[in-house]
Amino acid sequence: MRIGILTSGGDCPGINATIRGVCKTAILNYGMEVIGIHSGFKGLIDLDYEVMTERSLTGLLTMGGTILGTSREKPYSKKQAVPGIDKPALLKANVELLGLDAVVCIGGNGTQKTAGKMARAGIPVIGIPKTIDNDVAGTDLCFGFHTAVSIATEAIDRLHSTASAHRRAMVIEVMGHKAGWIALYSGMAAGGDVILIPERPYDMEHICQAIMNRMQRGKNYAIVVVAEGLPTPRPGRAGEYIASTISEMTGIEARETVLGYTQRGGSPCPFDRILSTRMGSHAVELIARGEFGRMVAFNGESITSVPLAEVAGCTRLVPPDHELIMQGQHMGVCFG
């Protein structure tokens, strides 16, 4: 068999480890030929690719980024349509031209949505969920999430001493456009006093009162963790709004720190290396069995798969009764 592999959307720790898992399993265990497609779906449209060999995989387990490159190309999007070019037709034609028996698509929600459309168009495809936001439906975990939480937690840990020394409220903005998984997990891991996520409404008066109550108990600083996608009543960053409002309403000096792209850069943590390897290997097993139109998933402690049709375009949000939220509330953490 001859299979293609591409990475699409934002970069994420563990992509290269996943590429390694796919290629090693395909080449060494099944004797398949693997075509690495550059720059996501753009490379499949432009026929920009390379033949992957065992030598191509050296050092990938610990390497950040993606050796195949990535892009935000969405071939089925009307917004990205180019006059005179039928991208969906070209995509399918090039899969046939390259003689691909399957295409492995590594990416987040947008990538899985595109993979689902490819499956409906008759292209044999397998999706592997990738995002530090951990918001792809159908899987309990996406690789990259644990690494991002570790990075965010370490940063928040370091801000405790600065907040205490200057008697400030430190507002740390972490990634998470629609889902607050990183804010919830890093906030709880680093002892956040206030954790604000997009899934839950918040009241600035309640937040400020919680901070004031903490000060009155003899705690001279506060740590506020905010997901970047938190809705605010005015333009600008969520963290900036929360910090300025705390200062205005309480008189306490509040400073904002935006962690930004540091959360998705660099080497994956051990957990993500293992998860990436397992997911990559399972994708090839699905191909070998002829089970196409599916996305690899981590459910419970097992690597399984789910139909792309059931998860494409869906977002996995933090439920209001999540165990960590309940536990945090019992310990006095303010969630808005």
C-alpha atoms as a PDB file:
ATOM      1  CA  MET A   1       0.000   0.000   0.000  1.00  0.00           C
ATOM      2  CA  ARG A   2       0.984   3.621  -0.519  1.00  0.00           C
ATOM      3  CA  ILE A   3      -0.246   6.154   2.001  1.00  0.00           C
ATOM      4  CA  GLY A   4       0.061   9.914   2.367  1.00  0.00           C
ATOM      5  CA  ILE A   5       0.477  11.884   5.558  1.00  0.00           C
ATOM      6  CA  LEU A   6      -0.017  15.603   6.169  1.00  0.00           C
ATOM      7  CA  THR A   7      -0.164  18.037   9.090  1.00  0.00           C
ATOM      8  CA  SER A   8      -2.552  20.977   9.051  1.00  0.00           C
ATOM      9  CA  GLY A   9      -3.459  23.943  11.246  1.00  0.00           C
ATOM     10  CA  GLY A  10      -1.345  25.300  14.101  1.00  0.00           C
ATOM     11  CA  ASP A  11       1.816  23.576  15.242  1.00  0.00           C
ATOM     12  CA  CYS A  12       1.731  21.502  18.390  1.00  0.00           C
ATOM     13  CA  PRO A  13       4.169  19.456  20.506  1.00  0.00           C
ATOM     14  CA  GLY A  14       3.982  15.825  19.387  1.00  0.00           C
ATOM     15  CA  ILE A  15       3.272  16.230  15.671  1.00  0.00           C
ATOM     16  CA  ASN A  16       6.693  14.924  14.696  1.00  0.00           C
ATOM     17  CA  ALA A  17       6.368  12.061  17.172  1.00  0.00           C
ATOM     18  CA  THR A  18       3.041  11.185  15.484  1.00  0.00           C
ATOM     19  CA  ILE A  19       4.623  11.324  12.022  1.00  0.00           C
ATOM     20  CA  ARG A  20       7.299   8.974  13.349  1.00  0.00           C
ATOM     21  CA  GLY A  21       4.671   6.605  14.784  1.00  0.00           C
ATOM     22  CA  VAL A  22       2.783   6.479  11.486  1.00  0.00           C
ATOM     23  CA  CYS A  23       5.845   6.052   9.293  1.00  0.00           C
ATOM     24  CA  LYS A  24       7.691   3.505  11.425  1.00  0.00           C
ATOM     25  CA  THR A  25       4.608   1.313  11.753  1.00  0.00           C
ATOM     26  CA  ALA A  26       3.752   1.621   8.066  1.00  0.00           C
ATOM     27  CA  ILE A  27       7.261   1.028   6.747  1.00  0.00           C
ATOM     28  CA  LEU A  28       8.684  -1.487   9.206  1.00  0.00           C
ATOM     29  CA  ASN A  29       5.608  -3.503  10.174  1.00  0.00           C
ATOM     30  CA  TYR A  30       3.414  -3.380   7.077  1.00  0.00           C
ATOM     31  CA  GLY A  31       5.897  -2.692   4.285  1.00  0.00           C
ATOM     32  CA  MET A  32       3.915   0.327   3.108  1.00  0.00           C
ATOM     33  CA  GLU A  33       5.309   3.271   1.167  1.00  0.00           C
ATOM     34  CA  VAL A  34       4.710   6.637   2.835  1.00  0.00           C
ATOM     35  CA  ILE A  35       4.431   9.964   1.049  1.00  0.00           C
ATOM     36  CA  GLY A  36       4.981  13.021   3.238  1.00  0.00           C
ATOM     37  CA  ILE A  37       2.838  15.918   1.994  1.00  0.00           C
ATOM     38  CA  HIS A  38       4.216  19.385   2.691  1.00  0.00           C
ATOM     39  CA  SER A  39       2.223  22.365   4.015  1.00  0.00           C
ATOM     40  CA  GLY A  40      -0.993  20.526   4.844  1.00  0.00           C
ATOM     41  CA  PHE A  41      -3.793  20.376   2.283  1.00  0.00           C
ATOM     42  CA  LYS A  42      -1.998  23.047   0.250  1.00  0.00           C
ATOM     43  CA  GLY A  43       0.746  20.534  -0.504  1.00  0.00           C
ATOM     44  CA  LEU A  44      -1.796  17.983  -1.684  1.00  0.00           C
ATOM     45  CA  ILE A  45      -3.291  20.567  -4.032  1.00  0.00           C
ATOM     46  CA  ASP A  46       0.136  21.741  -5.269  1.00  0.00           C
ATOM     47  CA  LEU A  47       1.677  18.235  -5.390  1.00  0.00           C
ATOM     48  CA  ASP A  48       4.415  19.245  -2.953  1.00  0.00           C
ATOM     49  CA  TYR A  49       5.631  16.054  -1.311  1.00  0.00           C
ATOM     50  CA  GLU A  50       8.529  13.743  -0.482  1.00  0.00           C
ATOM     51  CA  VAL A  51       8.985  10.019  -0.029  1.00  0.00           C
ATOM     52  CA  MET A  52       9.470   9.199   3.643  1.00  0.00           C
ATOM     53  CA  THR A  53      12.168   6.709   4.643  1.00  0.00           C
ATOM     54  CA  GLU A  54      13.368   5.356   7.952  1.00  0.00           C
ATOM     55  CA  ARG A  55      16.219   7.891   7.823  1.00  0.00           C
ATOM     56  CA  SER A  56      13.645  10.701   7.563  1.00  0.00           C
ATOM     57  CA  LEU A  57      12.453   9.858  11.066  1.00  0.00           C
ATOM     58  CA  THR A  58      15.704  10.290  12.993  1.00  0.00           C
ATOM     59  CA  GLY A  59      15.257  12.546  16.021  1.00  0.00           C
ATOM     60  CA  LEU A  60      11.534  13.136  15.493  1.00  0.00           C
ATOM     61  CA  LEU A  61      10.323  11.733  18.812  1.00  0.00           C
ATOM     62  CA  THR A  62      11.537  14.733  20.796  1.00  0.00           C
ATOM     63  CA  MET A  63      11.432  17.426  18.103  1.00  0.00           C
ATOM     64  CA  GLY A  64       8.874  20.242  18.234  1.00  0.00           C
ATOM     65  CA  GLY A  65       7.021  21.631  15.220  1.00  0.00           C
ATOM     66  CA  THR A  66       6.449  19.526  12.101  1.00  0.00           C
ATOM     67  CA  ILE A  67       9.023  18.476   9.525  1.00  0.00           C
ATOM     68  CA  LEU A  68       6.273  18.402   6.887  1.00  0.00           C
ATOM     69  CA  GLY A  69       5.253  22.000   7.515  1.00  0.00           C
ATOM     70  CA  THR A  70       1.686  23.166   7.896  1.00  0.00           C
ATOM     71  CA  SER A  71      -0.819  25.703   6.592  1.00  0.00           C
ATOM     72  CA  ARG A  72      -4.335  26.971   7.194  1.00  0.00           C
ATOM     73  CA  GLU A  73      -5.508  25.820   3.764  1.00  0.00           C
ATOM     74  CA  LYS A  74      -9.146  24.643   3.813  1.00  0.00           C
ATOM     75  CA  PRO A  75      -9.905  23.257   0.349  1.00  0.00           C
ATOM     76  CA  TYR A  76     -13.665  23.051   0.931  1.00  0.00           C
ATOM     77  CA  SER A  77     -13.990  26.584   2.325  1.00  0.00           C
ATOM     78  CA  LYS A  78     -15.869  29.088   0.180  1.00  0.00           C
ATOM     79  CA  LYS A  79     -13.890  31.903   1.816  1.00  0.00           C
ATOM     80  CA  GLN A  80     -10.645  30.420   0.463  1.00  0.00           C
ATOM     81  CA  ALA A  81     -12.038  29.626  -2.975  1.00  0.00           C
ATOM     82  CA  VAL A  82      -9.937  30.700  -5.977  1.00  0.00           C
ATOM     83  CA  PRO A  83     -11.738  31.561  -9.244  1.00  0.00           C
ATOM     84  CA  GLY A  84     -11.185  28.890 -11.864  1.00  0.00           C
ATOM     85  CA  ILE A  85      -9.761  26.325  -9.429  1.00  0.00           C
ATOM     86  CA  ASP A  86     -11.905  23.507  -8.102  1.00  0.00           C
ATOM     87  CA  LYS A  87      -9.887  22.641  -5.000  1.00  0.00           C
ATOM     88  CA  PRO A  88     -12.040  19.670  -3.854  1.00  0.00           C
ATOM     89  CA  ALA A  89     -11.828  18.081  -7.311  1.00  0.00           C
ATOM     90  CA  LEU A  90      -8.099  18.762  -7.497  1.00  0.00           C
ATOM     91  CA  LEU A  91      -7.616  17.239  -4.054  1.00  0.00           C
ATOM     92  CA  LYS A  92      -9.292  14.001  -5.093  1.00  0.00           C
ATOM     93  CA  ALA A  93      -7.542  13.912  -8.475  1.00  0.00           C
ATOM     94  CA  ASN A  94      -4.119  14.315  -6.856  1.00  0.00           C
ATOM     95  CA  VAL A  95      -4.802  11.520  -4.360  1.00  0.00           C
ATOM     96  CA  GLU A  96      -5.476   9.287  -7.363  1.00  0.00           C
ATOM     97  CA  LEU A  97      -2.505  10.694  -9.297  1.00  0.00           C
ATOM     98  CA  LEU A  98      -0.154   9.890  -6.420  1.00  0.00           C
ATOM     99  CA  GLY A  99      -1.670   6.416  -6.127  1.00  0.00           C
ATOM    100  CA  LEU A 100      -2.502   6.892  -2.446  1.00  0.00           C
ATOM    101  CA  ASP A 101      -4.505   4.122  -0.815  1.00  0.00           C
ATOM    102  CA  ALA A 102      -5.169   6.381   2.175  1.00  0.00           C
ATOM    103  CA  VAL A 103      -4.380   9.836   3.545  1.00  0.00           C
ATOM    104  CA  VAL A 104      -3.561  10.416   7.219  1.00  0.00           C
ATOM    105  CA  CYS A 105      -4.597  13.924   8.310  1.00  0.00           C
ATOM    106  CA  ILE A 106      -3.055  15.195  11.549  1.00  0.00           C
ATOM    107  CA  GLY A 107      -4.783  18.293  12.891  1.00  0.00           C
ATOM    108  CA  GLY A 108      -7.402  19.929  15.053  1.00  0.00           C
ATOM    109  CA  ASN A 109     -11.085  20.677  14.576  1.00  0.00           C
ATOM    110  CA  GLY A 110     -10.694  22.328  11.163  1.00  0.00           C
ATOM    111  CA  THR A 111      -8.523  19.493   9.882  1.00  0.00           C
ATOM    112  CA  GLN A 112     -10.954  16.823  11.069  1.00  0.00           C
ATOM    113  CA  LYS A 113     -13.805  18.737   9.430  1.00  0.00           C
ATOM    114  CA  THR A 114     -11.909  18.741   6.130  1.00  0.00           C
ATOM    115  CA  ALA A 115     -11.047  15.058   6.566  1.00  0.00           C
ATOM    116  CA  GLY A 116     -14.746  14.325   7.068  1.00  0.00           C
ATOM    117  CA  LYS A 117     -15.567  16.073   3.789  1.00  0.00           C
ATOM    118  CA  MET A 118     -12.820  14.124   2.048  1.00  0.00           C
ATOM    119  CA  ALA A 119     -14.343  10.897   3.361  1.00  0.00           C
ATOM    120  CA  ARG A 120     -17.767  11.903   2.021  1.00  0.00           C
ATOM    121  CA  ALA A 121     -16.128  12.583  -1.335  1.00  0.00           C
ATOM    122  CA  GLY A 122     -14.869   9.019  -1.444  1.00  0.00           C
ATOM    123  CA  ILE A 123     -11.265   9.635  -0.425  1.00  0.00           C
ATOM    124  CA  PRO A 124      -9.920   7.003   2.010  1.00  0.00           C
ATOM    125  CA  VAL A 125      -8.851   9.066   4.987  1.00  0.00           C
ATOM    126  CA  ILE A 126      -7.865   8.676   8.639  1.00  0.00           C
ATOM    127  CA  GLY A 127      -7.781  11.604  11.088  1.00  0.00           C
ATOM    128  CA  ILE A 128      -5.493  12.022  14.093  1.00  0.00           C
ATOM    129  CA  PRO A 129      -6.580  14.735  16.574  1.00  0.00           C
ATOM    130  CA  LYS A 130      -3.974  17.361  17.381  1.00  0.00           C
ATOM    131  CA  THR A 131      -4.442  20.505  19.455  1.00  0.00           C
ATOM    132  CA  ILE A 132      -3.124  21.923  22.694  1.00  0.00           C
ATOM    133  CA  ASP A 133      -6.659  23.239  23.324  1.00  0.00           C
ATOM    134  CA  ASN A 134      -7.866  19.626  23.797  1.00  0.00           C
ATOM    135  CA  ASP A 135     -11.203  20.557  22.212  1.00  0.00           C
ATOM    136  CA  VAL A 136     -11.595  17.940  19.468  1.00  0.00           C
ATOM    137  CA  ALA A 137     -14.799  15.947  19.993  1.00  0.00           C
ATOM    138  CA  GLY A 138     -14.735  12.166  20.228  1.00  0.00           C
ATOM    139  CA  THR A 139     -11.478  11.834  22.172  1.00  0.00           C
ATOM    140  CA  ASP A 140     -10.700  12.336  25.856  1.00  0.00           C
ATOM    141  CA  LEU A 141      -7.264  13.727  25.038  1.00  0.00           C
ATOM    142  CA  CYS A 142      -5.364  15.249  22.148  1.00  0.00           C
ATOM    143  CA  PHE A 143      -1.585  15.054  22.091  1.00  0.00           C
ATOM    144  CA  GLY A 144       0.023  18.386  22.860  1.00  0.00           C
ATOM    145  CA  PHE A 145      -2.402  19.237  25.659  1.00  0.00           C
ATOM    146  CA  HIS A 146      -0.314  17.848  28.507  1.00  0.00           C
ATOM    147  CA  THR A 147       2.786  19.634  27.222  1.00  0.00           C
ATOM    148  CA  ALA A 148       0.906  22.948  27.024  1.00  0.00           C
ATOM    149  CA  VAL A 149      -0.453  22.471  30.552  1.00  0.00           C
ATOM    150  CA  SER A 150       3.063  21.753  31.843  1.00  0.00           C
ATOM    151  CA  ILE A 151       4.441  24.905  30.204  1.00  0.00           C
ATOM    152  CA  ALA A 152       1.574  27.067  31.474  1.00  0.00           C
ATOM    153  CA  THR A 153       1.816  25.593  34.971  1.00  0.00           C
ATOM    154  CA  GLU A 154       5.544  26.307  35.214  1.00  0.00           C
ATOM    155  CA  ALA A 155       4.967  29.897  34.087  1.00  0.00           C
ATOM    156  CA  ILE A 156       2.209  30.429  36.659  1.00  0.00           C
ATOM    157  CA  ASP A 157       4.409  28.872  39.356  1.00  0.00           C
ATOM    158  CA  ARG A 158       7.057  31.486  38.607  1.00  0.00           C
ATOM    159  CA  LEU A 159       4.547  34.334  38.823  1.00  0.00           C
ATOM    160  CA  HIS A 160       3.554  33.442  42.380  1.00  0.00           C
ATOM    161  CA  SER A 161       6.784  34.928  43.759  1.00  0.00           C
ATOM    162  CA  THR A 162       6.457  38.142  41.730  1.00  0.00           C
ATOM    163  CA  ALA A 163       2.817  38.565  42.750  1.00  0.00           C
ATOM    164  CA  SER A 164       3.693  38.029  46.413  1.00  0.00           C
ATOM    165  CA  ALA A 165       6.690  40.361  46.376  1.00  0.00           C
ATOM    166  CA  HIS A 166       4.730  43.243  44.846  1.00  0.00           C
ATOM    167  CA  ARG A 167       1.354  42.512  46.499  1.00  0.00           C
ATOM    168  CA  ARG A 168      -0.354  42.295  43.133  1.00  0.00           C
ATOM    169  CA  ALA A 169      -3.073  40.404  41.372  1.00  0.00           C
ATOM    170  CA  MET A 170      -1.310  38.619  38.513  1.00  0.00           C
ATOM    171  CA  VAL A 171      -3.566  37.820  35.551  1.00  0.00           C
ATOM    172  CA  ILE A 172      -2.184  35.091  33.298  1.00  0.00           C
ATOM    173  CA  GLU A 173      -3.806  34.618  29.895  1.00  0.00           C
ATOM    174  CA  VAL A 174      -3.408  31.133  28.427  1.00  0.00           C
ATOM    175  CA  MET A 175      -4.540  29.673  25.124  1.00  0.00           C
ATOM    176  CA  GLY A 176      -8.053  28.350  24.491  1.00  0.00           C
ATOM    177  CA  HIS A 177     -10.327  30.129  22.015  1.00  0.00           C
ATOM    178  CA  LYS A 178     -13.536  28.218  22.657  1.00  0.00           C
ATOM    179  CA  ALA A 179     -12.584  25.730  25.364  1.00  0.00           C
ATOM    180  CA  GLY A 180     -10.951  26.377  28.718  1.00  0.00           C
ATOM    181  CA  TRP A 181      -9.131  23.094  29.244  1.00  0.00           C
ATOM    182  CA  ILE A 182      -5.645  24.642  29.522  1.00  0.00           C
ATOM    183  CA  ALA A 183      -6.844  27.370  31.894  1.00  0.00           C
ATOM    184  CA  LEU A 184      -8.684  24.850  34.074  1.00  0.00           C
ATOM    185  CA  TYR A 185      -5.862  22.309  34.323  1.00  0.00           C
ATOM    186  CA  SER A 186      -2.933  24.736  34.614  1.00  0.00           C
ATOM    187  CA  GLY A 187      -4.907  26.969  36.981  1.00  0.00           C
ATOM    188  CA  MET A 188      -5.660  24.084  39.304  1.00  0.00           C
ATOM    189  CA  ALA A 189      -2.140  22.630  39.008  1.00  0.00           C
ATOM    190  CA  ALA A 190      -0.523  25.986  39.828  1.00  0.00           C
ATOM    191  CA  GLY A 191      -2.863  27.023  42.645  1.00  0.00           C
ATOM    192  CA  GLY A 192      -4.839  29.698  40.842  1.00  0.00           C
ATOM    193  CA  ASP A 193      -7.223  31.704  43.003  1.00  0.00           C
ATOM    194  CA  VAL A 194      -9.503  32.670  40.115  1.00  0.00           C
ATOM    195  CA  ILE A 195      -9.921  30.579  36.946  1.00  0.00           C
ATOM    196  CA  LEU A 196     -12.001  31.967  34.088  1.00  0.00           C
ATOM    197  CA  ILE A 197     -12.993  29.876  31.062  1.00  0.00           C
ATOM    198  CA  PRO A 198     -15.232  30.595  28.034  1.00  0.00           C
ATOM    199  CA  GLU A 199     -17.747  27.931  29.023  1.00  0.00           C
ATOM    200  CA  ARG A 200     -18.775  29.648  32.261  1.00  0.00           C
ATOM    201  CA  PRO A 201     -20.342  33.102  32.782  1.00  0.00           C
ATOM    202  CA  TYR A 202     -18.518  35.451  35.125  1.00  0.00           C
ATOM    203  CA  ASP A 203     -19.310  38.474  37.264  1.00  0.00           C
ATOM    204  CA  MET A 204     -16.514  41.018  37.811  1.00  0.00           C
ATOM    205  CA  GLU A 205     -18.001  42.135  41.123  1.00  0.00           C
ATOM    206  CA  HIS A 206     -17.955  38.540  42.365  1.00  0.00           C
ATOM    207  CA  ILE A 207     -14.363  38.079  41.136  1.00  0.00           C
ATOM    208  CA  CYS A 208     -13.179  41.290  42.775  1.00  0.00           C
ATOM    209  CA  GLN A 209     -14.922  40.399  46.024  1.00  0.00           C
ATOM    210  CA  ALA A 210     -13.203  36.998  46.010  1.00  0.00           C
ATOM    211  CA  ILE A 211      -9.829  38.728  45.615  1.00  0.00           C
ATOM    212  CA  MET A 212     -10.629  41.234  48.374  1.00  0.00           C
ATOM    213  CA  ASN A 213     -11.742  38.438  50.684  1.00  0.00           C
ATOM    214  CA  ARG A 214      -8.430  36.698  50.060  1.00  0.00           C
ATOM    215  CA  MET A 215      -6.524  39.878  50.958  1.00  0.00           C
ATOM    216  CA  GLN A 216      -8.567  40.264  54.156  1.00  0.00           C
ATOM    217  CA  ARG A 217      -7.565  36.718  55.154  1.00  0.00           C
ATOM    218  CA  GLY A 218      -3.922  37.820  55.106  1.00  0.00           C
ATOM    219  CA  LYS A 219      -3.033  36.677  51.592  1.00  0.00           C
ATOM    220  CA  ASN A 220      -1.286  39.630  49.972  1.00  0.00           C
ATOM    221  CA  TYR A 221      -1.580  38.570  46.346  1.00  0.00           C
ATOM    222  CA  ALA A 222      -3.850  36.705  43.918  1.00  0.00           C
ATOM    223  CA  ILE A 223      -3.340  34.537  40.840  1.00  0.00           C
ATOM    224  CA  VAL A 224      -5.985  34.834  38.122  1.00  0.00           C
ATOM    225  CA  VAL A 225      -5.843  32.410  35.169  1.00  0.00           C
ATOM    226  CA  VAL A 226      -7.834  33.411  32.086  1.00  0.00           C
ATOM    227  CA  ALA A 227      -8.508  31.561  28.828  1.00  0.00           C
ATOM    228  CA  GLU A 228      -7.898  33.796  25.806  1.00  0.00           C
ATOM    229  CA  GLY A 229     -11.376  33.096  24.440  1.00  0.00           C
ATOM    230  CA  LEU A 230     -13.157  34.511  27.493  1.00  0.00           C
ATOM    231  CA  PRO A 231     -15.823  36.928  26.173  1.00  0.00           C
ATOM    232  CA  THR A 232     -15.443  40.541  27.281  1.00  0.00           C
ATOM    233  CA  PRO A 233     -17.587  43.656  26.776  1.00  0.00           C
ATOM    234  CA  ARG A 234     -14.887  45.552  24.904  1.00  0.00           C
ATOM    235  CA  PRO A 235     -12.263  44.871  22.182  1.00  0.00           C
ATOM    236  CA  GLY A 236      -8.848  43.625  23.183  1.00  0.00           C
ATOM    237  CA  ARG A 237      -7.350  40.736  25.069  1.00  0.00           C
ATOM    238  CA  ALA A 238      -9.362  38.967  27.734  1.00  0.00           C
ATOM    239  CA  GLY A 239      -6.451  39.100  30.177  1.00  0.00           C
ATOM    240  CA  GLU A 240      -6.009  42.847  29.702  1.00  0.00           C
ATOM    241  CA  TYR A 241      -9.700  43.466  30.369  1.00  0.00           C
ATOM    242  CA  ILE A 242      -9.727  41.344  33.522  1.00  0.00           C
ATOM    243  CA  ALA A 243      -6.541  42.954  34.887  1.00  0.00           C
ATOM    244  CA  SER A 244      -7.638  46.548  34.232  1.00  0.00           C
ATOM    245  CA  THR A 245     -11.097  45.920  35.672  1.00  0.00           C
ATOM    246  CA  ILE A 246      -9.674  44.383  38.851  1.00  0.00           C
ATOM    247  CA  SER A 247      -7.472  47.456  39.303  1.00  0.00           C
ATOM    248  CA  GLU A 248     -10.365  49.843  38.681  1.00  0.00           C
ATOM    249  CA  MET A 249     -12.797  48.087  41.022  1.00  0.00           C
ATOM    250  CA  THR A 250     -10.469  47.168  43.911  1.00  0.00           C
ATOM    251  CA  GLY A 251      -7.546  49.578  43.777  1.00  0.00           C
ATOM    252  CA  ILE A 252      -5.228  46.562  43.857  1.00  0.00           C
ATOM    253  CA  GLU A 253      -2.427  46.672  41.307  1.00  0.00           C
ATOM    254  CA  ALA A 254      -3.105  44.016  38.682  1.00  0.00           C
ATOM    255  CA  ARG A 255      -0.710  43.025  35.898  1.00  0.00           C
ATOM    256  CA  GLU A 256      -1.347  40.894  32.829  1.00  0.00           C
ATOM    257  CA  THR A 257       0.979  38.233  31.405  1.00  0.00           C
ATOM    258  CA  VAL A 258       0.191  36.599  28.059  1.00  0.00           C
ATOM    259  CA  LEU A 259       1.886  33.233  27.585  1.00  0.00           C
ATOM    260  CA  GLY A 260       1.026  33.025  23.878  1.00  0.00           C
ATOM    261  CA  TYR A 261       2.834  30.698  21.506  1.00  0.00           C
ATOM    262  CA  THR A 262       5.288  29.420  24.103  1.00  0.00           C
ATOM    263  CA  GLN A 263       2.550  26.977  25.089  1.00  0.00           C
ATOM    264  CA  ARG A 264       2.690  25.101  21.806  1.00  0.00           C
ATOM    265  CA  GLY A 265       6.387  25.264  21.034  1.00  0.00           C
ATOM    266  CA  GLY A 266       9.284  22.989  21.836  1.00  0.00           C
ATOM    267  CA  SER A 267       9.666  19.345  22.732  1.00  0.00           C
ATOM    268  CA  PRO A 268       6.629  17.284  23.801  1.00  0.00           C
ATOM    269  CA  CYS A 269       6.470  15.936  27.345  1.00  0.00           C
ATOM    270  CA  PRO A 270       6.875  12.168  27.878  1.00  0.00           C
ATOM    271  CA  PHE A 271       3.110  11.585  28.096  1.00  0.00           C
ATOM    272  CA  ASP A 272       2.535  13.306  24.743  1.00  0.00           C
ATOM    273  CA  ARG A 273       5.401  11.410  23.109  1.00  0.00           C
ATOM    274  CA  ILE A 274       3.755   8.136  24.097  1.00  0.00           C
ATOM    275  CA  LEU A 275       0.248   9.272  23.134  1.00  0.00           C
ATOM    276  CA  SER A 276       1.504  10.518  19.754  1.00  0.00           C
ATOM    277  CA  THR A 277       3.287   7.246  19.087  1.00  0.00           C
ATOM    278  CA  ARG A 278       0.233   5.182  20.012  1.00  0.00           C
ATOM    279  CA  MET A 279      -2.110   7.302  17.900  1.00  0.00           C
ATOM    280  CA  GLY A 280       0.203   7.236  14.887  1.00  0.00           C
ATOM    281  CA  SER A 281       0.594   3.483  15.053  1.00  0.00           C
ATOM    282  CA  HIS A 282      -3.159   2.927  15.445  1.00  0.00           C
ATOM    283  CA  ALA A 283      -3.872   5.048  12.360  1.00  0.00           C
ATOM    284  CA  VAL A 284      -1.821   2.621  10.277  1.00  0.00           C
ATOM    285  CA  GLU A 285      -3.588  -0.362  11.808  1.00  0.00           C
ATOM    286  CA  LEU A 286      -6.918   1.138  10.723  1.00  0.00           C
ATOM    287  CA  ILE A 287      -5.574   1.570   7.195  1.00  0.00           C
ATOM    288  CA  ALA A 288      -4.308  -2.023   7.124  1.00  0.00           C
ATOM    289  CA  ARG A 289      -7.795  -3.206   8.104  1.00  0.00           C
ATOM    290  CA  GLY A 290      -9.459  -0.967   5.525  1.00  0.00           C
ATOM    291  CA  GLU A 291     -11.329   1.042   8.166  1.00  0.00           C
ATOM    292  CA  PHE A 292     -11.445   4.489   6.580  1.00  0.00           C
ATOM    293  CA  GLY A 293     -13.399   7.639   7.395  1.00  0.00           C
ATOM    294  CA  ARG A 294     -12.433   7.405  11.051  1.00  0.00           C
ATOM    295  CA  MET A 295     -10.511   9.474  13.587  1.00  0.00           C
ATOM    296  CA  VAL A 296      -8.104   7.928  16.076  1.00  0.00           C
ATOM    297  CA  ALA A 297      -9.211   8.596  19.658  1.00  0.00           C
ATOM    298  CA  PHE A 298      -8.007   8.152  23.242  1.00  0.00           C
ATOM    299  CA  ASN A 299     -10.884   7.015  25.410  1.00  0.00           C
ATOM    300  CA  GLY A 300     -10.367   5.802  28.952  1.00  0.00           C
ATOM    301  CA  GLU A 301      -6.916   4.276  28.701  1.00  0.00           C
ATOM    302  CA  SER A 302      -7.386   2.781  25.245  1.00  0.00           C
ATOM    303  CA  ILE A 303      -6.590   3.953  21.749  1.00  0.00           C
ATOM    304  CA  THR A 304      -9.718   3.488  19.658  1.00  0.00           C
ATOM    305  CA  SER A 305     -11.380   5.251  16.726  1.00  0.00           C
ATOM    306  CA  VAL A 306     -14.632   7.074  16.007  1.00  0.00           C
ATOM    307  CA  PRO A 307     -16.401   7.910  12.727  1.00  0.00           C
ATOM    308  CA  LEU A 308     -15.299  11.278  11.335  1.00  0.00           C
ATOM    309  CA  ALA A 309     -18.933  11.950  10.470  1.00  0.00           C
ATOM    310  CA  GLU A 310     -19.779  12.018  14.187  1.00  0.00           C
ATOM    311  CA  VAL A 311     -17.016  14.383  15.328  1.00  0.00           C
ATOM    312  CA  ALA A 312     -16.098  16.597  12.356  1.00  0.00           C
ATOM    313  CA  GLY A 313     -17.049  20.198  13.094  1.00  0.00           C
ATOM    314  CA  CYS A 314     -17.849  19.481  16.753  1.00  0.00           C
ATOM    315  CA  THR A 315     -16.065  21.081  19.714  1.00  0.00           C
ATOM    316  CA  ARG A 316     -15.368  19.412  23.054  1.00  0.00           C
ATOM    317  CA  LEU A 317     -16.037  21.962  25.781  1.00  0.00           C
ATOM    318  CA  VAL A 318     -15.447  21.843  29.531  1.00  0.00           C
ATOM    319  CA  PRO A 319     -18.718  20.609  31.098  1.00  0.00           C
ATOM    320  CA  PRO A 320     -20.131  22.797  33.902  1.00  0.00           C
ATOM    321  CA  ASP A 321     -19.988  19.919  36.371  1.00  0.00           C
ATOM    322  CA  HIS A 322     -16.437  18.850  35.554  1.00  0.00           C
ATOM    323  CA  GLU A 323     -14.773  17.155  38.512  1.00  0.00           C
ATOM    324  CA  LEU A 324     -11.918  19.702  38.654  1.00  0.00           C
ATOM    325  CA  ILE A 325     -14.366  22.602  38.825  1.00  0.00           C
ATOM    326  CA  MET A 326     -16.322  20.941  41.611  1.00  0.00           C
ATOM    327  CA  GLN A 327     -13.123  20.171  43.538  1.00  0.00           C
ATOM    328  CA  GLY A 328     -11.804  23.695  43.004  1.00  0.00           C
ATOM    329  CA  GLN A 329     -14.995  25.246  44.324  1.00  0.00           C
ATOM    330  CA  HIS A 330     -14.759  23.096  47.446  1.00  0.00           C
ATOM    331  CA  MET A 331     -11.269  24.545  47.972  1.00  0.00           C
ATOM    332  CA  GLY A 332     -12.332  28.153  47.535  1.00  0.00           C
ATOM    333  CA  VAL A 333     -11.295  28.727  43.911  1.00  0.00           C
ATOM    334  CA  CYS A 334     -13.443  31.348  42.176  1.00  0.00           C
ATOM    335  CA  PHE A 335     -14.681  30.347  38.703  1.00  0.00           C
ATOM    336  CA  GLY A 336     -16.384  33.631  37.935  1.00  0.00           C
END
